[in-house]
Amino acid sequence: MRGAEAVSTYRGLPEQEAFDIEYWLLEEAKLQRMPRPKALAGRVALVTGGAGGIGRATAERYLREGACVVLADISDEALERVGAELSGAFSADVVRTVRMDVTDEGAVAGGLRAAALEYGGLDILVSNAGIASSAPIEETSLELWDRNMSILATGYFLVSREAFRLMGAQGIGGAMVFVASKNGLAASPNASAYCTAKAAEIHLARCLALEGAAKGIRVNVVNPDAVLKGSRIWQGDWLKERADAYGKDAAGLAEHYRERSLLKREVLPEDIAEAAYFLVSDASSKSTGNILNVDAGNKEAFTR
């Protein structure tokens, strides 16, 4: 353009000629042969507890569908390891990590701000950070009770509130998935603090589904049960505590959970990830306020 103006006057293509080039039949035929975009292409997801078994499996499922994923976790070592593994498998361009204590209001706000700065916004939130504890009610200390409530109820509130603010400012809707538990619907022995906090998660999701509908923000719940594989929770005292509660040894607990389910099958992190994918995909675009149990069948947790 500068060269043309130096000797004469620049003139662009006539509109009709530009149109004929843009919509040339051979060009359109070439575009039609390109692969279809993946289901989550262009979407940004943040997964709390992202370096654990369910969090990692969910992140991997989203990455396979073309999303950019921010892994949020309190463990620096696990974040570094899982972040490196997923970056190697899918590209460093689509994976980010952020250290986040979900009970820290400032850390939560900073984590979501970091995600927005990295990828331009947020389309998907998976609230998955968690702990587990077991104790008879007489032995449940106030500290233990508060710890469950702080992480499993307050933490979910803080993360979802920040995500609501961000998604509301964007004005294009979004999808949230709470990874709760069968224990939020079905009581278990020696786990009053954990069960109560998980029930709070589920009811929070229902409330947010009501508030989010007008903004196009969908909020749904996945209820796992006994996901032992790859879980950092089951690497601690929880394994022995639950075995003691059911009169089993640690080695026999997985078999106990399989046999008590209606389908007699083990629930894996990938099973939860598949549900978490469905609930943020366009296939569930008309679903909000729902609870999807992925527990191999537990009649006490039936929602209706």
C-alpha atoms as a PDB file:
ATOM      1  CA  MET A   1       0.000   0.000   0.000  1.00  0.00           C
ATOM      2  CA  ARG A   2       2.835   2.395   0.841  1.00  0.00           C
ATOM      3  CA  GLY A   3       4.573   1.536  -2.440  1.00  0.00           C
ATOM      4  CA  ALA A   4       1.434   2.182  -4.454  1.00  0.00           C
ATOM      5  CA  GLU A   5       0.792   5.481  -2.721  1.00  0.00           C
ATOM      6  CA  ALA A   6       4.392   6.545  -3.451  1.00  0.00           C
ATOM      7  CA  VAL A   7       3.799   6.514  -7.181  1.00  0.00           C
ATOM      8  CA  SER A   8       0.025   6.739  -7.553  1.00  0.00           C
ATOM      9  CA  THR A   9      -3.102   5.881  -5.569  1.00  0.00           C
ATOM     10  CA  TYR A  10      -3.749   2.578  -3.770  1.00  0.00           C
ATOM     11  CA  ARG A  11      -7.000   0.895  -4.670  1.00  0.00           C
ATOM     12  CA  GLY A  12      -8.268  -2.339  -3.079  1.00  0.00           C
ATOM     13  CA  LEU A  13     -10.108  -5.134  -4.854  1.00  0.00           C
ATOM     14  CA  PRO A  14     -13.691  -4.432  -5.832  1.00  0.00           C
ATOM     15  CA  GLU A  15     -16.143  -6.047  -3.379  1.00  0.00           C
ATOM     16  CA  GLN A  16     -17.429  -8.493  -5.967  1.00  0.00           C
ATOM     17  CA  GLU A  17     -13.964  -9.708  -6.878  1.00  0.00           C
ATOM     18  CA  ALA A  18     -13.034 -10.130  -3.195  1.00  0.00           C
ATOM     19  CA  PHE A  19     -16.270 -12.063  -2.672  1.00  0.00           C
ATOM     20  CA  ASP A  20     -15.553 -14.314  -5.650  1.00  0.00           C
ATOM     21  CA  ILE A  21     -12.107 -15.155  -4.242  1.00  0.00           C
ATOM     22  CA  GLU A  22     -13.373 -15.766  -0.696  1.00  0.00           C
ATOM     23  CA  TYR A  23     -16.196 -18.023  -1.844  1.00  0.00           C
ATOM     24  CA  TRP A  24     -14.371 -19.700  -4.708  1.00  0.00           C
ATOM     25  CA  LEU A  25     -15.775 -23.227  -5.064  1.00  0.00           C
ATOM     26  CA  LEU A  26     -12.346 -24.853  -4.859  1.00  0.00           C
ATOM     27  CA  GLU A  27     -11.557 -22.898  -1.665  1.00  0.00           C
ATOM     28  CA  GLU A  28     -14.844 -23.977  -0.095  1.00  0.00           C
ATOM     29  CA  ALA A  29     -14.178 -27.582  -1.077  1.00  0.00           C
ATOM     30  CA  LYS A  30     -10.761 -27.417   0.629  1.00  0.00           C
ATOM     31  CA  LEU A  31     -12.292 -26.025   3.845  1.00  0.00           C
ATOM     32  CA  GLN A  32     -14.904 -28.771   3.894  1.00  0.00           C
ATOM     33  CA  ARG A  33     -12.138 -31.389   3.884  1.00  0.00           C
ATOM     34  CA  MET A  34     -10.546 -30.002   7.045  1.00  0.00           C
ATOM     35  CA  PRO A  35     -11.190 -31.979  10.248  1.00  0.00           C
ATOM     36  CA  ARG A  36     -14.059 -30.779  12.422  1.00  0.00           C
ATOM     37  CA  PRO A  37     -13.019 -28.799  15.526  1.00  0.00           C
ATOM     38  CA  LYS A  38     -12.845 -30.875  18.706  1.00  0.00           C
ATOM     39  CA  ALA A  39     -15.760 -30.619  21.117  1.00  0.00           C
ATOM     40  CA  LEU A  40     -14.004 -28.312  23.623  1.00  0.00           C
ATOM     41  CA  ALA A  41     -11.757 -26.426  21.195  1.00  0.00           C
ATOM     42  CA  GLY A  42     -11.304 -22.823  22.282  1.00  0.00           C
ATOM     43  CA  ARG A  43     -12.571 -23.409  25.821  1.00  0.00           C
ATOM     44  CA  VAL A  44     -10.617 -22.794  29.000  1.00  0.00           C
ATOM     45  CA  ALA A  45     -11.070 -25.069  32.033  1.00  0.00           C
ATOM     46  CA  LEU A  46      -9.797 -24.769  35.595  1.00  0.00           C
ATOM     47  CA  VAL A  47      -9.689 -27.955  37.688  1.00  0.00           C
ATOM     48  CA  THR A  48      -9.125 -27.736  41.436  1.00  0.00           C
ATOM     49  CA  GLY A  49      -7.459 -30.751  42.976  1.00  0.00           C
ATOM     50  CA  GLY A  50      -6.054 -31.043  39.468  1.00  0.00           C
ATOM     51  CA  ALA A  51      -2.986 -33.071  40.453  1.00  0.00           C
ATOM     52  CA  GLY A  52      -4.986 -35.869  42.092  1.00  0.00           C
ATOM     53  CA  GLY A  53      -6.460 -38.965  40.481  1.00  0.00           C
ATOM     54  CA  ILE A  54      -9.872 -37.593  39.472  1.00  0.00           C
ATOM     55  CA  GLY A  55      -8.515 -34.118  38.719  1.00  0.00           C
ATOM     56  CA  ARG A  56      -5.803 -35.406  36.433  1.00  0.00           C
ATOM     57  CA  ALA A  57      -8.154 -37.785  34.602  1.00  0.00           C
ATOM     58  CA  THR A  58     -10.641 -34.942  34.082  1.00  0.00           C
ATOM     59  CA  ALA A  59      -7.936 -32.592  32.811  1.00  0.00           C
ATOM     60  CA  GLU A  60      -6.706 -35.261  30.414  1.00  0.00           C
ATOM     61  CA  ARG A  61     -10.233 -35.856  29.117  1.00  0.00           C
ATOM     62  CA  TYR A  62     -10.709 -32.141  28.460  1.00  0.00           C
ATOM     63  CA  LEU A  63      -7.325 -31.843  26.770  1.00  0.00           C
ATOM     64  CA  ARG A  64      -8.206 -34.704  24.426  1.00  0.00           C
ATOM     65  CA  GLU A  65     -11.242 -32.683  23.373  1.00  0.00           C
ATOM     66  CA  GLY A  66      -9.190 -29.579  22.599  1.00  0.00           C
ATOM     67  CA  ALA A  67      -9.555 -27.492  25.775  1.00  0.00           C
ATOM     68  CA  CYS A  68      -6.853 -25.446  27.475  1.00  0.00           C
ATOM     69  CA  VAL A  69      -6.581 -26.575  31.111  1.00  0.00           C
ATOM     70  CA  VAL A  70      -5.319 -24.871  34.252  1.00  0.00           C
ATOM     71  CA  LEU A  71      -4.480 -27.338  37.018  1.00  0.00           C
ATOM     72  CA  ALA A  72      -4.967 -25.892  40.512  1.00  0.00           C
ATOM     73  CA  ASP A  73      -3.686 -27.794  43.528  1.00  0.00           C
ATOM     74  CA  ILE A  74      -2.139 -27.198  46.945  1.00  0.00           C
ATOM     75  CA  SER A  75       0.734 -29.640  46.349  1.00  0.00           C
ATOM     76  CA  ASP A  76       3.677 -28.060  44.533  1.00  0.00           C
ATOM     77  CA  GLU A  77       5.354 -31.412  43.920  1.00  0.00           C
ATOM     78  CA  ALA A  78       2.242 -33.052  42.470  1.00  0.00           C
ATOM     79  CA  LEU A  79       1.458 -29.975  40.350  1.00  0.00           C
ATOM     80  CA  GLU A  80       4.930 -29.931  38.845  1.00  0.00           C
ATOM     81  CA  ARG A  81       4.853 -33.637  38.064  1.00  0.00           C
ATOM     82  CA  VAL A  82       1.344 -33.819  36.604  1.00  0.00           C
ATOM     83  CA  GLY A  83       1.739 -30.528  34.756  1.00  0.00           C
ATOM     84  CA  ALA A  84       4.925 -31.777  33.103  1.00  0.00           C
ATOM     85  CA  GLU A  85       3.344 -35.104  32.151  1.00  0.00           C
ATOM     86  CA  LEU A  86       0.268 -33.509  30.582  1.00  0.00           C
ATOM     87  CA  SER A  87       2.367 -30.851  28.836  1.00  0.00           C
ATOM     88  CA  GLY A  88       4.494 -33.613  27.341  1.00  0.00           C
ATOM     89  CA  ALA A  89       1.452 -35.525  26.173  1.00  0.00           C
ATOM     90  CA  PHE A  90      -0.586 -32.613  24.793  1.00  0.00           C
ATOM     91  CA  SER A  91       1.746 -29.558  24.438  1.00  0.00           C
ATOM     92  CA  ALA A  92       2.928 -26.974  26.926  1.00  0.00           C
ATOM     93  CA  ASP A  93       0.734 -24.428  25.135  1.00  0.00           C
ATOM     94  CA  VAL A  94      -2.488 -25.915  26.514  1.00  0.00           C
ATOM     95  CA  VAL A  95      -1.507 -26.751  30.110  1.00  0.00           C
ATOM     96  CA  ARG A  96      -0.886 -24.351  32.980  1.00  0.00           C
ATOM     97  CA  THR A  97      -0.551 -24.900  36.722  1.00  0.00           C
ATOM     98  CA  VAL A  98      -1.339 -22.660  39.668  1.00  0.00           C
ATOM     99  CA  ARG A  99      -0.846 -23.380  43.352  1.00  0.00           C
ATOM    100  CA  MET A 100      -4.153 -22.820  45.126  1.00  0.00           C
ATOM    101  CA  ASP A 101      -5.377 -23.327  48.669  1.00  0.00           C
ATOM    102  CA  VAL A 102      -9.135 -23.296  48.147  1.00  0.00           C
ATOM    103  CA  THR A 103      -9.716 -22.133  51.728  1.00  0.00           C
ATOM    104  CA  ASP A 104      -7.672 -18.958  51.136  1.00  0.00           C
ATOM    105  CA  GLU A 105      -9.843 -16.230  49.623  1.00  0.00           C
ATOM    106  CA  GLY A 106      -6.876 -14.333  48.207  1.00  0.00           C
ATOM    107  CA  ALA A 107      -5.285 -17.442  46.729  1.00  0.00           C
ATOM    108  CA  VAL A 108      -8.534 -18.397  45.017  1.00  0.00           C
ATOM    109  CA  ALA A 109      -9.012 -14.932  43.500  1.00  0.00           C
ATOM    110  CA  GLY A 110      -5.382 -14.905  42.394  1.00  0.00           C
ATOM    111  CA  GLY A 111      -5.619 -18.361  40.856  1.00  0.00           C
ATOM    112  CA  LEU A 112      -8.631 -17.519  38.717  1.00  0.00           C
ATOM    113  CA  ARG A 113      -7.064 -14.213  37.737  1.00  0.00           C
ATOM    114  CA  ALA A 114      -3.941 -16.075  36.642  1.00  0.00           C
ATOM    115  CA  ALA A 115      -6.032 -18.470  34.538  1.00  0.00           C
ATOM    116  CA  ALA A 116      -7.792 -15.559  32.846  1.00  0.00           C
ATOM    117  CA  LEU A 117      -4.493 -13.817  32.117  1.00  0.00           C
ATOM    118  CA  GLU A 118      -2.990 -16.983  30.626  1.00  0.00           C
ATOM    119  CA  TYR A 119      -5.868 -17.899  28.328  1.00  0.00           C
ATOM    120  CA  GLY A 120      -8.139 -14.865  28.174  1.00  0.00           C
ATOM    121  CA  GLY A 121     -11.004 -16.076  30.347  1.00  0.00           C
ATOM    122  CA  LEU A 122     -12.746 -19.099  31.821  1.00  0.00           C
ATOM    123  CA  ASP A 123     -15.432 -21.329  30.343  1.00  0.00           C
ATOM    124  CA  ILE A 124     -15.344 -24.377  32.632  1.00  0.00           C
ATOM    125  CA  LEU A 125     -14.797 -24.876  36.347  1.00  0.00           C
ATOM    126  CA  VAL A 126     -14.385 -28.287  37.938  1.00  0.00           C
ATOM    127  CA  SER A 127     -14.418 -28.059  41.738  1.00  0.00           C
ATOM    128  CA  ASN A 128     -12.684 -31.229  42.843  1.00  0.00           C
ATOM    129  CA  ALA A 129     -10.289 -30.331  45.674  1.00  0.00           C
ATOM    130  CA  GLY A 130     -10.933 -32.533  48.660  1.00  0.00           C
ATOM    131  CA  ILE A 131      -9.970 -34.407  51.769  1.00  0.00           C
ATOM    132  CA  ALA A 132     -11.539 -37.288  53.645  1.00  0.00           C
ATOM    133  CA  SER A 133     -11.743 -38.146  57.313  1.00  0.00           C
ATOM    134  CA  SER A 134     -13.326 -40.819  59.442  1.00  0.00           C
ATOM    135  CA  ALA A 135     -14.171 -40.828  63.139  1.00  0.00           C
ATOM    136  CA  PRO A 136     -17.112 -41.751  65.379  1.00  0.00           C
ATOM    137  CA  ILE A 137     -19.086 -38.671  66.396  1.00  0.00           C
ATOM    138  CA  GLU A 138     -17.773 -38.853  69.971  1.00  0.00           C
ATOM    139  CA  GLU A 139     -14.231 -38.692  68.634  1.00  0.00           C
ATOM    140  CA  THR A 140     -14.857 -36.034  65.993  1.00  0.00           C
ATOM    141  CA  SER A 141     -12.953 -32.975  67.162  1.00  0.00           C
ATOM    142  CA  LEU A 142     -14.000 -29.440  66.329  1.00  0.00           C
ATOM    143  CA  GLU A 143     -10.744 -29.116  64.389  1.00  0.00           C
ATOM    144  CA  LEU A 144     -11.633 -32.139  62.249  1.00  0.00           C
ATOM    145  CA  TRP A 145     -15.161 -30.848  61.677  1.00  0.00           C
ATOM    146  CA  ASP A 146     -13.890 -27.384  60.715  1.00  0.00           C
ATOM    147  CA  ARG A 147     -11.265 -28.825  58.372  1.00  0.00           C
ATOM    148  CA  ASN A 148     -13.885 -30.748  56.405  1.00  0.00           C
ATOM    149  CA  MET A 149     -16.190 -27.733  56.234  1.00  0.00           C
ATOM    150  CA  SER A 150     -13.362 -25.385  55.313  1.00  0.00           C
ATOM    151  CA  ILE A 151     -12.142 -27.416  52.317  1.00  0.00           C
ATOM    152  CA  LEU A 152     -15.275 -29.191  51.128  1.00  0.00           C
ATOM    153  CA  ALA A 153     -17.887 -26.470  51.702  1.00  0.00           C
ATOM    154  CA  THR A 154     -16.201 -23.082  52.092  1.00  0.00           C
ATOM    155  CA  GLY A 155     -13.569 -23.949  49.496  1.00  0.00           C
ATOM    156  CA  TYR A 156     -16.205 -24.826  46.924  1.00  0.00           C
ATOM    157  CA  PHE A 157     -18.047 -21.610  47.746  1.00  0.00           C
ATOM    158  CA  LEU A 158     -14.945 -19.442  47.292  1.00  0.00           C
ATOM    159  CA  VAL A 159     -13.901 -21.012  43.998  1.00  0.00           C
ATOM    160  CA  SER A 160     -17.401 -20.957  42.493  1.00  0.00           C
ATOM    161  CA  ARG A 161     -17.996 -17.370  43.621  1.00  0.00           C
ATOM    162  CA  GLU A 162     -14.855 -16.182  41.823  1.00  0.00           C
ATOM    163  CA  ALA A 163     -15.768 -18.217  38.752  1.00  0.00           C
ATOM    164  CA  PHE A 164     -19.273 -16.702  38.775  1.00  0.00           C
ATOM    165  CA  ARG A 165     -17.777 -13.223  38.866  1.00  0.00           C
ATOM    166  CA  LEU A 166     -15.467 -13.973  35.958  1.00  0.00           C
ATOM    167  CA  MET A 167     -18.066 -15.752  33.848  1.00  0.00           C
ATOM    168  CA  GLY A 168     -20.599 -13.017  34.573  1.00  0.00           C
ATOM    169  CA  ALA A 169     -18.173 -10.341  33.388  1.00  0.00           C
ATOM    170  CA  GLN A 170     -17.524 -12.307  30.195  1.00  0.00           C
ATOM    171  CA  GLY A 171     -21.237 -12.530  29.467  1.00  0.00           C
ATOM    172  CA  ILE A 172     -21.016 -15.777  27.467  1.00  0.00           C
ATOM    173  CA  GLY A 173     -22.153 -18.306  30.079  1.00  0.00           C
ATOM    174  CA  GLY A 174     -20.132 -21.267  31.267  1.00  0.00           C
ATOM    175  CA  ALA A 175     -20.301 -24.666  32.922  1.00  0.00           C
ATOM    176  CA  MET A 176     -19.403 -25.811  36.424  1.00  0.00           C
ATOM    177  CA  VAL A 177     -19.061 -29.322  37.768  1.00  0.00           C
ATOM    178  CA  PHE A 178     -18.861 -30.112  41.474  1.00  0.00           C
ATOM    179  CA  VAL A 179     -17.202 -33.433  42.244  1.00  0.00           C
ATOM    180  CA  ALA A 180     -19.071 -34.336  45.424  1.00  0.00           C
ATOM    181  CA  SER A 181     -19.621 -37.861  46.733  1.00  0.00           C
ATOM    182  CA  LYS A 182     -22.137 -40.615  47.225  1.00  0.00           C
ATOM    183  CA  ASN A 183     -21.739 -39.693  50.899  1.00  0.00           C
ATOM    184  CA  GLY A 184     -23.475 -36.390  50.224  1.00  0.00           C
ATOM    185  CA  LEU A 185     -26.708 -38.337  49.671  1.00  0.00           C
ATOM    186  CA  ALA A 186     -26.163 -41.558  51.610  1.00  0.00           C
ATOM    187  CA  ALA A 187     -24.982 -41.529  55.226  1.00  0.00           C
ATOM    188  CA  SER A 188     -21.935 -43.596  56.161  1.00  0.00           C
ATOM    189  CA  PRO A 189     -20.781 -44.763  59.578  1.00  0.00           C
ATOM    190  CA  ASN A 190     -18.024 -42.815  61.356  1.00  0.00           C
ATOM    191  CA  ALA A 191     -17.913 -40.035  58.757  1.00  0.00           C
ATOM    192  CA  SER A 192     -20.341 -37.353  59.945  1.00  0.00           C
ATOM    193  CA  ALA A 193     -18.038 -34.402  59.182  1.00  0.00           C
ATOM    194  CA  TYR A 194     -17.208 -35.643  55.683  1.00  0.00           C
ATOM    195  CA  CYS A 195     -20.790 -36.597  54.781  1.00  0.00           C
ATOM    196  CA  THR A 196     -22.206 -33.306  56.040  1.00  0.00           C
ATOM    197  CA  ALA A 197     -19.663 -31.242  54.121  1.00  0.00           C
ATOM    198  CA  LYS A 198     -20.352 -33.198  50.939  1.00  0.00           C
ATOM    199  CA  ALA A 199     -24.092 -32.633  51.391  1.00  0.00           C
ATOM    200  CA  ALA A 200     -23.345 -28.910  51.665  1.00  0.00           C
ATOM    201  CA  GLU A 201     -21.472 -29.071  48.351  1.00  0.00           C
ATOM    202  CA  ILE A 202     -24.461 -30.603  46.622  1.00  0.00           C
ATOM    203  CA  HIS A 203     -26.901 -28.022  47.967  1.00  0.00           C
ATOM    204  CA  LEU A 204     -24.542 -25.183  47.065  1.00  0.00           C
ATOM    205  CA  ALA A 205     -24.513 -26.476  43.492  1.00  0.00           C
ATOM    206  CA  ARG A 206     -28.325 -26.455  43.430  1.00  0.00           C
ATOM    207  CA  CYS A 207     -28.396 -22.851  44.626  1.00  0.00           C
ATOM    208  CA  LEU A 208     -25.830 -21.814  42.029  1.00  0.00           C
ATOM    209  CA  ALA A 209     -27.792 -23.560  39.278  1.00  0.00           C
ATOM    210  CA  LEU A 210     -30.711 -21.272  40.151  1.00  0.00           C
ATOM    211  CA  GLU A 211     -28.571 -18.127  40.159  1.00  0.00           C
ATOM    212  CA  GLY A 212     -26.586 -19.054  37.082  1.00  0.00           C
ATOM    213  CA  ALA A 213     -29.413 -19.964  34.726  1.00  0.00           C
ATOM    214  CA  ALA A 214     -30.190 -16.402  33.670  1.00  0.00           C
ATOM    215  CA  LYS A 215     -26.485 -15.866  32.913  1.00  0.00           C
ATOM    216  CA  GLY A 216     -26.129 -19.073  30.928  1.00  0.00           C
ATOM    217  CA  ILE A 217     -23.969 -20.666  33.653  1.00  0.00           C
ATOM    218  CA  ARG A 218     -24.811 -24.329  34.138  1.00  0.00           C
ATOM    219  CA  VAL A 219     -23.951 -26.053  37.438  1.00  0.00           C
ATOM    220  CA  ASN A 220     -24.104 -29.821  37.878  1.00  0.00           C
ATOM    221  CA  VAL A 221     -22.767 -32.440  40.291  1.00  0.00           C
ATOM    222  CA  VAL A 222     -20.923 -35.732  39.821  1.00  0.00           C
ATOM    223  CA  ASN A 223     -21.164 -38.120  42.770  1.00  0.00           C
ATOM    224  CA  PRO A 224     -18.357 -40.708  42.796  1.00  0.00           C
ATOM    225  CA  ASP A 225     -17.996 -43.542  45.266  1.00  0.00           C
ATOM    226  CA  ALA A 226     -14.868 -45.398  46.384  1.00  0.00           C
ATOM    227  CA  VAL A 227     -12.483 -44.187  43.689  1.00  0.00           C
ATOM    228  CA  LEU A 228      -9.316 -45.755  45.062  1.00  0.00           C
ATOM    229  CA  LYS A 229      -7.060 -45.751  41.999  1.00  0.00           C
ATOM    230  CA  GLY A 230      -4.699 -42.777  41.795  1.00  0.00           C
ATOM    231  CA  SER A 231      -6.332 -40.931  44.691  1.00  0.00           C
ATOM    232  CA  ARG A 232      -4.097 -39.058  47.126  1.00  0.00           C
ATOM    233  CA  ILE A 233      -6.924 -39.202  49.683  1.00  0.00           C
ATOM    234  CA  TRP A 234      -6.721 -42.995  49.818  1.00  0.00           C
ATOM    235  CA  GLN A 235      -2.965 -42.888  50.344  1.00  0.00           C
ATOM    236  CA  GLY A 236      -3.421 -41.461  53.861  1.00  0.00           C
ATOM    237  CA  ASP A 237      -5.302 -42.552  56.976  1.00  0.00           C
ATOM    238  CA  TRP A 238      -8.654 -42.622  55.153  1.00  0.00           C
ATOM    239  CA  LEU A 239      -7.961 -46.096  53.747  1.00  0.00           C
ATOM    240  CA  LYS A 240      -7.390 -47.648  57.169  1.00  0.00           C
ATOM    241  CA  GLU A 241     -10.193 -45.634  58.768  1.00  0.00           C
ATOM    242  CA  ARG A 242     -12.783 -46.788  56.226  1.00  0.00           C
ATOM    243  CA  ALA A 243     -11.521 -50.370  56.429  1.00  0.00           C
ATOM    244  CA  ASP A 244     -11.935 -50.248  60.207  1.00  0.00           C
ATOM    245  CA  ALA A 245     -15.419 -48.756  59.866  1.00  0.00           C
ATOM    246  CA  TYR A 246     -16.532 -51.746  57.777  1.00  0.00           C
ATOM    247  CA  GLY A 247     -14.561 -54.354  59.713  1.00  0.00           C
ATOM    248  CA  LYS A 248     -12.230 -55.064  56.775  1.00  0.00           C
ATOM    249  CA  ASP A 249      -8.507 -54.951  56.230  1.00  0.00           C
ATOM    250  CA  ALA A 250      -7.047 -52.389  53.837  1.00  0.00           C
ATOM    251  CA  ALA A 251      -6.350 -54.994  51.159  1.00  0.00           C
ATOM    252  CA  GLY A 252      -9.963 -56.157  51.116  1.00  0.00           C
ATOM    253  CA  LEU A 253     -11.607 -52.740  51.001  1.00  0.00           C
ATOM    254  CA  ALA A 254     -11.690 -52.434  47.181  1.00  0.00           C
ATOM    255  CA  GLU A 255     -13.394 -55.823  46.950  1.00  0.00           C
ATOM    256  CA  HIS A 256     -15.861 -54.765  49.649  1.00  0.00           C
ATOM    257  CA  TYR A 257     -16.809 -51.656  47.663  1.00  0.00           C
ATOM    258  CA  ARG A 258     -17.191 -53.648  44.449  1.00  0.00           C
ATOM    259  CA  GLU A 259     -19.421 -56.242  46.080  1.00  0.00           C
ATOM    260  CA  ARG A 260     -21.696 -53.739  47.806  1.00  0.00           C
ATOM    261  CA  SER A 261     -22.442 -51.953  44.498  1.00  0.00           C
ATOM    262  CA  LEU A 262     -25.383 -53.080  42.396  1.00  0.00           C
ATOM    263  CA  LEU A 263     -23.228 -53.553  39.303  1.00  0.00           C
ATOM    264  CA  LYS A 264     -20.319 -55.189  41.170  1.00  0.00           C
ATOM    265  CA  ARG A 265     -17.794 -52.989  39.387  1.00  0.00           C
ATOM    266  CA  GLU A 266     -14.883 -50.791  40.467  1.00  0.00           C
ATOM    267  CA  VAL A 267     -15.220 -47.057  39.871  1.00  0.00           C
ATOM    268  CA  LEU A 268     -12.136 -45.459  38.262  1.00  0.00           C
ATOM    269  CA  PRO A 269     -10.985 -41.831  37.904  1.00  0.00           C
ATOM    270  CA  GLU A 270     -11.627 -42.094  34.164  1.00  0.00           C
ATOM    271  CA  ASP A 271     -15.288 -42.882  34.881  1.00  0.00           C
ATOM    272  CA  ILE A 272     -15.660 -39.647  36.838  1.00  0.00           C
ATOM    273  CA  ALA A 273     -13.794 -37.757  34.117  1.00  0.00           C
ATOM    274  CA  GLU A 274     -16.240 -39.021  31.494  1.00  0.00           C
ATOM    275  CA  ALA A 275     -19.163 -37.714  33.536  1.00  0.00           C
ATOM    276  CA  ALA A 276     -17.381 -34.397  34.100  1.00  0.00           C
ATOM    277  CA  TYR A 277     -16.824 -34.132  30.354  1.00  0.00           C
ATOM    278  CA  PHE A 278     -20.458 -34.840  29.513  1.00  0.00           C
ATOM    279  CA  LEU A 279     -21.669 -32.181  31.949  1.00  0.00           C
ATOM    280  CA  VAL A 280     -19.587 -29.422  30.318  1.00  0.00           C
ATOM    281  CA  SER A 281     -20.080 -30.521  26.716  1.00  0.00           C
ATOM    282  CA  ASP A 282     -22.753 -29.326  24.319  1.00  0.00           C
ATOM    283  CA  ALA A 283     -24.414 -32.720  24.703  1.00  0.00           C
ATOM    284  CA  SER A 284     -25.649 -31.574  28.134  1.00  0.00           C
ATOM    285  CA  SER A 285     -26.396 -27.975  27.126  1.00  0.00           C
ATOM    286  CA  LYS A 286     -29.949 -28.272  28.480  1.00  0.00           C
ATOM    287  CA  SER A 287     -28.943 -29.694  31.864  1.00  0.00           C
ATOM    288  CA  THR A 288     -28.360 -27.753  35.064  1.00  0.00           C
ATOM    289  CA  GLY A 289     -28.970 -28.509  38.736  1.00  0.00           C
ATOM    290  CA  ASN A 290     -28.505 -32.227  38.113  1.00  0.00           C
ATOM    291  CA  ILE A 291     -26.732 -34.929  40.111  1.00  0.00           C
ATOM    292  CA  LEU A 292     -25.027 -37.718  38.182  1.00  0.00           C
ATOM    293  CA  ASN A 293     -24.080 -40.674  40.368  1.00  0.00           C
ATOM    294  CA  VAL A 294     -21.046 -42.630  39.172  1.00  0.00           C
ATOM    295  CA  ASP A 295     -20.899 -45.229  41.907  1.00  0.00           C
ATOM    296  CA  ALA A 296     -21.599 -48.565  40.182  1.00  0.00           C
ATOM    297  CA  GLY A 297     -25.051 -48.416  41.737  1.00  0.00           C
ATOM    298  CA  ASN A 298     -25.931 -47.574  45.329  1.00  0.00           C
ATOM    299  CA  LYS A 299     -29.620 -47.549  46.114  1.00  0.00           C
ATOM    300  CA  GLU A 300     -29.195 -45.325  49.182  1.00  0.00           C
ATOM    301  CA  ALA A 301     -27.838 -42.607  46.879  1.00  0.00           C
ATOM    302  CA  PHE A 302     -30.684 -42.751  44.349  1.00  0.00           C
ATOM    303  CA  THR A 303     -31.906 -39.168  43.932  1.00  0.00           C
ATOM    304  CA  ARG A 304     -35.527 -40.150  43.304  1.00  0.00           C
END
